[in-house]
Amino acid sequence: MIRTISPNPNRGTFGRCSACNVRSLSICGALDQNDLVEFERIARHIHLAPNEALFTAGQVASSVHNLTAGVARLYKLLPDGRRQVIGFALPGDFLGTMPSDRYSFSADAIDAVSICRFPVDVFRHFIEQRPHFLLRINEFAARELMLAQEQMLLLGRRTAEEKVAAFLVGWRARLAHIGDERQTISLPMSRQDIADYLGLTIETVSRTLTRFEREKMLVIVSGGVRLLDSTRAEAMAAA
């Protein structure tokens, strides 16, 4: 069940926003302390259990979302019922800005997720008064475009092995960006999720990971993988 924690208007600059661990990574990193007070006032802090929906394709885009904890799965359902995972959101990612009045894709929680949710109209009014904040949002939009271009390349002419290697190397870099530089690459998503992201079957993903382990490029561990030969993985990812 989704739990909503209403903001406290008297919390001031010592509230959630000021203490947020991913503030420097998110859109709100461009806000000063005075702006943060107002930003927190318009936010609703939401907690979702695994597999609960942030929003669904076709739903009226009434809110935007800033992910503060956990991992979310972004996907589209094709007319024949197949699913295409178009990305995975990490803490600091901003979701929900749409060119139309409805969400064009769905997003749900992979593990336990926390988000700051903002009504679209209120959020637009907030950014209209803060041009520097709009520049920050544009930077995030440019990054999303870059990730979309990388995804198009990933689904192109690469072999299955190159796709899996590129996913692991890219995911490791994204985890490092949010401060997770552990030797083990955490993979909270399922192998089916990875397959749907790479345009492969789950059997192909599993066989490829097993082959990589047999060839001592990595070792499969609980909750993820540990790269043993990063040089080879990076070379395959760059192919």
Protein backbone atom coordinates (compact mmCIF):
# COMPACT_ATOMS: atom_id res chain seq x y z
CA MET A 1 0.00 0.00 0.00
CA ILE A 2 1.22 3.48 -0.87
CA ARG A 3 1.96 5.58 2.20
CA THR A 4 1.86 9.36 1.99
CA ILE A 5 3.58 11.53 4.59
CA SER A 6 2.25 15.06 4.49
CA PRO A 7 4.85 17.82 4.79
CA ASN A 8 5.06 19.96 7.88
CA PRO A 9 4.77 23.66 6.91
CA ASN A 10 6.62 24.62 10.08
CA ARG A 11 9.60 22.38 9.48
CA GLY A 12 11.62 25.16 7.80
CA THR A 13 15.07 24.67 6.35
CA PHE A 14 15.80 21.74 8.63
CA GLY A 15 13.18 19.50 6.98
CA ARG A 16 13.34 16.63 4.58
CA CYS A 17 14.70 18.60 1.64
CA SER A 18 17.69 19.97 3.52
CA ALA A 19 18.51 16.53 4.93
CA CYS A 20 17.92 14.63 1.66
CA ASN A 21 20.89 12.40 0.79
CA VAL A 22 20.37 12.76 -2.97
CA ARG A 23 19.64 16.48 -3.10
CA SER A 24 22.92 17.27 -4.88
CA LEU A 25 22.09 14.67 -7.56
CA SER A 26 18.53 15.79 -8.22
CA ILE A 27 16.79 18.81 -9.70
CA CYS A 28 16.50 20.43 -6.28
CA GLY A 29 20.29 20.75 -6.09
CA ALA A 30 19.84 24.12 -7.82
CA LEU A 31 17.68 25.53 -5.01
CA ASP A 32 18.90 27.66 -2.12
CA GLN A 33 17.63 27.28 1.43
CA ASN A 34 14.78 29.77 0.96
CA ASP A 35 13.57 27.99 -2.17
CA LEU A 36 13.80 24.64 -0.38
CA VAL A 37 11.28 25.77 2.22
CA GLU A 38 8.71 26.44 -0.53
CA PHE A 39 9.72 23.31 -2.44
CA GLU A 40 9.09 21.17 0.59
CA ARG A 41 5.76 22.87 1.22
CA ILE A 42 4.40 21.78 -2.17
CA ALA A 43 5.82 18.24 -2.00
CA ARG A 44 4.13 15.05 -0.89
CA HIS A 45 6.49 12.35 0.35
CA ILE A 46 5.38 8.95 -0.93
CA HIS A 47 6.59 5.45 -0.08
CA LEU A 48 5.80 2.55 -2.40
CA ALA A 49 6.22 -1.18 -1.88
CA PRO A 50 7.83 -3.34 -4.60
CA ASN A 51 5.74 -3.50 -7.81
CA GLU A 52 3.47 -0.60 -6.85
CA ALA A 53 2.88 1.94 -9.62
CA LEU A 54 4.17 5.50 -9.63
CA PHE A 55 2.01 6.14 -12.70
CA THR A 56 0.62 4.30 -15.71
CA ALA A 57 0.75 5.01 -19.45
CA GLY A 58 -2.38 6.83 -20.59
CA GLN A 59 -3.13 8.17 -17.13
CA VAL A 60 -3.60 11.93 -16.85
CA ALA A 61 -0.18 13.40 -16.04
CA SER A 62 -1.26 15.21 -12.90
CA SER A 63 2.05 14.94 -11.01
CA VAL A 64 5.80 14.93 -11.44
CA HIS A 65 8.08 12.81 -9.29
CA ASN A 66 11.56 13.04 -7.83
CA LEU A 67 12.96 9.64 -6.83
CA THR A 68 14.79 9.78 -3.49
CA ALA A 69 15.31 6.07 -2.69
CA GLY A 70 15.00 2.73 -4.43
CA VAL A 71 14.87 1.74 -8.10
CA ALA A 72 11.93 2.17 -10.49
CA ARG A 73 11.19 0.35 -13.73
CA LEU A 74 10.07 2.41 -16.75
CA TYR A 75 8.26 0.54 -19.51
CA LYS A 76 5.74 0.51 -22.33
CA LEU A 77 3.31 -2.26 -23.27
CA LEU A 78 3.19 -3.02 -26.99
CA PRO A 79 -0.16 -3.62 -28.74
CA ASP A 80 0.45 -7.39 -28.75
CA GLY A 81 0.98 -7.40 -24.98
CA ARG A 82 4.76 -7.58 -25.00
CA ARG A 83 6.64 -5.29 -22.65
CA GLN A 84 9.55 -3.03 -23.53
CA VAL A 85 11.49 -1.75 -20.54
CA ILE A 86 12.80 1.67 -21.56
CA GLY A 87 14.88 2.41 -18.49
CA PHE A 88 15.52 2.14 -14.78
CA ALA A 89 15.30 5.17 -12.50
CA LEU A 90 17.66 5.69 -9.57
CA PRO A 91 17.65 8.12 -6.62
CA GLY A 92 17.97 11.66 -7.93
CA ASP A 93 16.08 10.95 -11.17
CA PHE A 94 13.13 13.16 -12.10
CA LEU A 95 10.07 11.53 -13.70
CA GLY A 96 6.76 12.57 -15.15
CA THR A 97 7.33 15.61 -17.35
CA MET A 98 5.32 14.94 -20.51
CA PRO A 99 4.81 16.82 -23.79
CA SER A 100 1.10 15.96 -23.54
CA ASP A 101 -1.40 15.81 -20.69
CA ARG A 102 -1.01 12.03 -20.26
CA TYR A 103 1.90 9.81 -19.28
CA SER A 104 3.44 8.11 -22.32
CA PHE A 105 4.97 5.25 -20.32
CA SER A 106 4.46 3.42 -17.04
CA ALA A 107 6.68 3.45 -13.96
CA ASP A 108 6.60 1.13 -10.98
CA ALA A 109 8.78 0.27 -8.02
CA ILE A 110 11.27 -2.58 -8.33
CA ASP A 111 12.19 -2.51 -4.64
CA ALA A 112 10.88 -0.22 -1.89
CA VAL A 113 10.82 3.28 -3.36
CA SER A 114 10.50 6.78 -1.89
CA ILE A 115 9.52 9.76 -4.01
CA CYS A 116 8.66 13.42 -3.71
CA ARG A 117 5.46 14.03 -5.69
CA PHE A 118 4.41 17.47 -6.94
CA PRO A 119 1.12 18.52 -8.58
CA VAL A 120 1.94 19.57 -12.15
CA ASP A 121 0.24 22.98 -12.01
CA VAL A 122 1.84 23.90 -8.71
CA PHE A 123 5.24 22.69 -9.93
CA ARG A 124 4.99 24.74 -13.13
CA HIS A 125 4.13 27.85 -11.14
CA PHE A 126 7.15 27.18 -8.91
CA ILE A 127 9.64 26.92 -11.79
CA GLU A 128 8.20 29.94 -13.65
CA GLN A 129 9.44 32.11 -10.81
CA ARG A 130 12.91 30.52 -10.78
CA PRO A 131 14.65 30.53 -14.21
CA HIS A 132 17.80 28.97 -12.73
CA PHE A 133 15.71 25.98 -11.66
CA LEU A 134 14.36 25.60 -15.19
CA LEU A 135 17.95 25.41 -16.46
CA ARG A 136 18.58 22.55 -14.04
CA ILE A 137 15.50 20.71 -15.33
CA ASN A 138 16.69 21.21 -18.91
CA GLU A 139 20.01 19.62 -17.95
CA PHE A 140 18.13 16.57 -16.70
CA ALA A 141 16.06 16.46 -19.90
CA ALA A 142 19.28 16.51 -21.95
CA ARG A 143 20.65 13.62 -19.90
CA GLU A 144 17.45 11.63 -20.49
CA LEU A 145 17.82 12.24 -24.23
CA MET A 146 21.39 10.94 -24.07
CA LEU A 147 20.24 7.81 -22.24
CA ALA A 148 17.52 7.28 -24.86
CA GLN A 149 20.13 7.53 -27.63
CA GLU A 150 22.33 5.02 -25.83
CA GLN A 151 19.32 2.70 -25.52
CA MET A 152 18.70 2.95 -29.27
CA LEU A 153 22.34 1.99 -29.89
CA LEU A 154 22.03 -0.85 -27.40
CA LEU A 155 19.05 -2.30 -29.26
CA GLY A 156 20.76 -1.93 -32.63
CA ARG A 157 23.32 -4.20 -34.23
CA ARG A 158 25.09 -5.38 -31.09
CA THR A 159 25.31 -9.07 -30.24
CA ALA A 160 23.65 -10.47 -27.13
CA GLU A 161 27.01 -10.62 -25.36
CA GLU A 162 27.76 -6.98 -26.21
CA LYS A 163 24.31 -5.91 -25.03
CA VAL A 164 24.65 -7.63 -21.64
CA ALA A 165 28.20 -6.32 -21.16
CA ALA A 166 27.11 -2.79 -22.07
CA PHE A 167 24.22 -2.98 -19.64
CA LEU A 168 26.46 -4.10 -16.77
CA VAL A 169 29.11 -1.46 -17.46
CA GLY A 170 26.52 1.28 -17.88
CA TRP A 171 24.61 0.28 -14.76
CA ARG A 172 27.84 0.18 -12.76
CA ALA A 173 28.59 3.76 -13.90
CA ARG A 174 25.11 4.95 -12.91
CA LEU A 175 25.45 3.36 -9.47
CA ALA A 176 28.85 5.01 -9.02
CA HIS A 177 27.26 8.37 -9.91
CA ILE A 178 24.97 8.09 -6.88
CA GLY A 179 27.84 7.00 -4.63
CA ASP A 180 27.46 3.21 -4.81
CA GLU A 181 30.95 2.10 -5.78
CA ARG A 182 30.89 -1.33 -4.19
CA GLN A 183 32.73 -4.13 -5.94
CA THR A 184 29.44 -5.97 -6.41
CA ILE A 185 27.12 -4.45 -9.02
CA SER A 186 23.69 -4.51 -7.41
CA LEU A 187 20.96 -5.77 -9.75
CA PRO A 188 17.59 -5.29 -8.01
CA MET A 189 15.74 -5.81 -11.29
CA SER A 190 14.88 -9.33 -12.47
CA ARG A 191 16.53 -11.05 -15.41
CA GLN A 192 13.21 -10.69 -17.22
CA ASP A 193 13.47 -6.92 -16.68
CA ILE A 194 17.00 -6.94 -18.13
CA ALA A 195 15.83 -9.05 -21.07
CA ASP A 196 12.94 -6.69 -21.79
CA TYR A 197 15.35 -3.75 -21.63
CA LEU A 198 17.89 -5.31 -23.99
CA GLY A 199 15.40 -6.80 -26.46
CA LEU A 200 16.49 -10.34 -25.60
CA THR A 201 14.83 -13.40 -24.11
CA ILE A 202 15.33 -14.23 -20.45
CA GLU A 203 17.01 -17.49 -21.55
CA THR A 204 19.55 -15.54 -23.61
CA VAL A 205 20.34 -13.21 -20.70
CA SER A 206 20.78 -16.15 -18.33
CA ARG A 207 22.98 -18.09 -20.79
CA THR A 208 25.11 -15.02 -21.44
CA LEU A 209 25.70 -14.32 -17.75
CA THR A 210 26.53 -18.00 -17.20
CA ARG A 211 29.00 -17.88 -20.12
CA PHE A 212 30.63 -14.75 -18.72
CA GLU A 213 30.99 -16.50 -15.37
CA ARG A 214 32.45 -19.61 -16.96
CA GLU A 215 34.94 -17.44 -18.84
CA LYS A 216 35.82 -15.69 -15.56
CA MET A 217 34.71 -12.25 -16.68
CA LEU A 218 32.39 -12.04 -13.69
CA VAL A 219 30.96 -14.04 -10.83
CA ILE A 220 27.25 -14.16 -10.11
CA VAL A 221 26.51 -13.38 -6.45
CA SER A 222 23.36 -12.86 -4.42
CA GLY A 223 21.67 -9.66 -5.57
CA GLY A 224 24.03 -8.91 -8.44
CA VAL A 225 27.35 -9.68 -10.12
CA ARG A 226 30.99 -8.91 -9.43
CA LEU A 227 33.16 -8.05 -12.43
CA LEU A 228 36.48 -9.91 -12.45
CA ASP A 229 37.67 -8.62 -15.83
CA SER A 230 36.44 -5.04 -16.17
CA THR A 231 38.75 -4.38 -19.13
CA ARG A 232 37.14 -7.10 -21.23
CA ALA A 233 33.63 -6.04 -20.19
CA GLU A 234 34.33 -2.42 -21.11
CA ALA A 235 35.81 -3.46 -24.47
CA MET A 236 32.71 -5.49 -25.28
CA ALA A 237 30.48 -2.60 -24.16
CA ALA A 238 32.31 -0.21 -26.47
CA ALA A 239 32.03 -2.49 -29.51
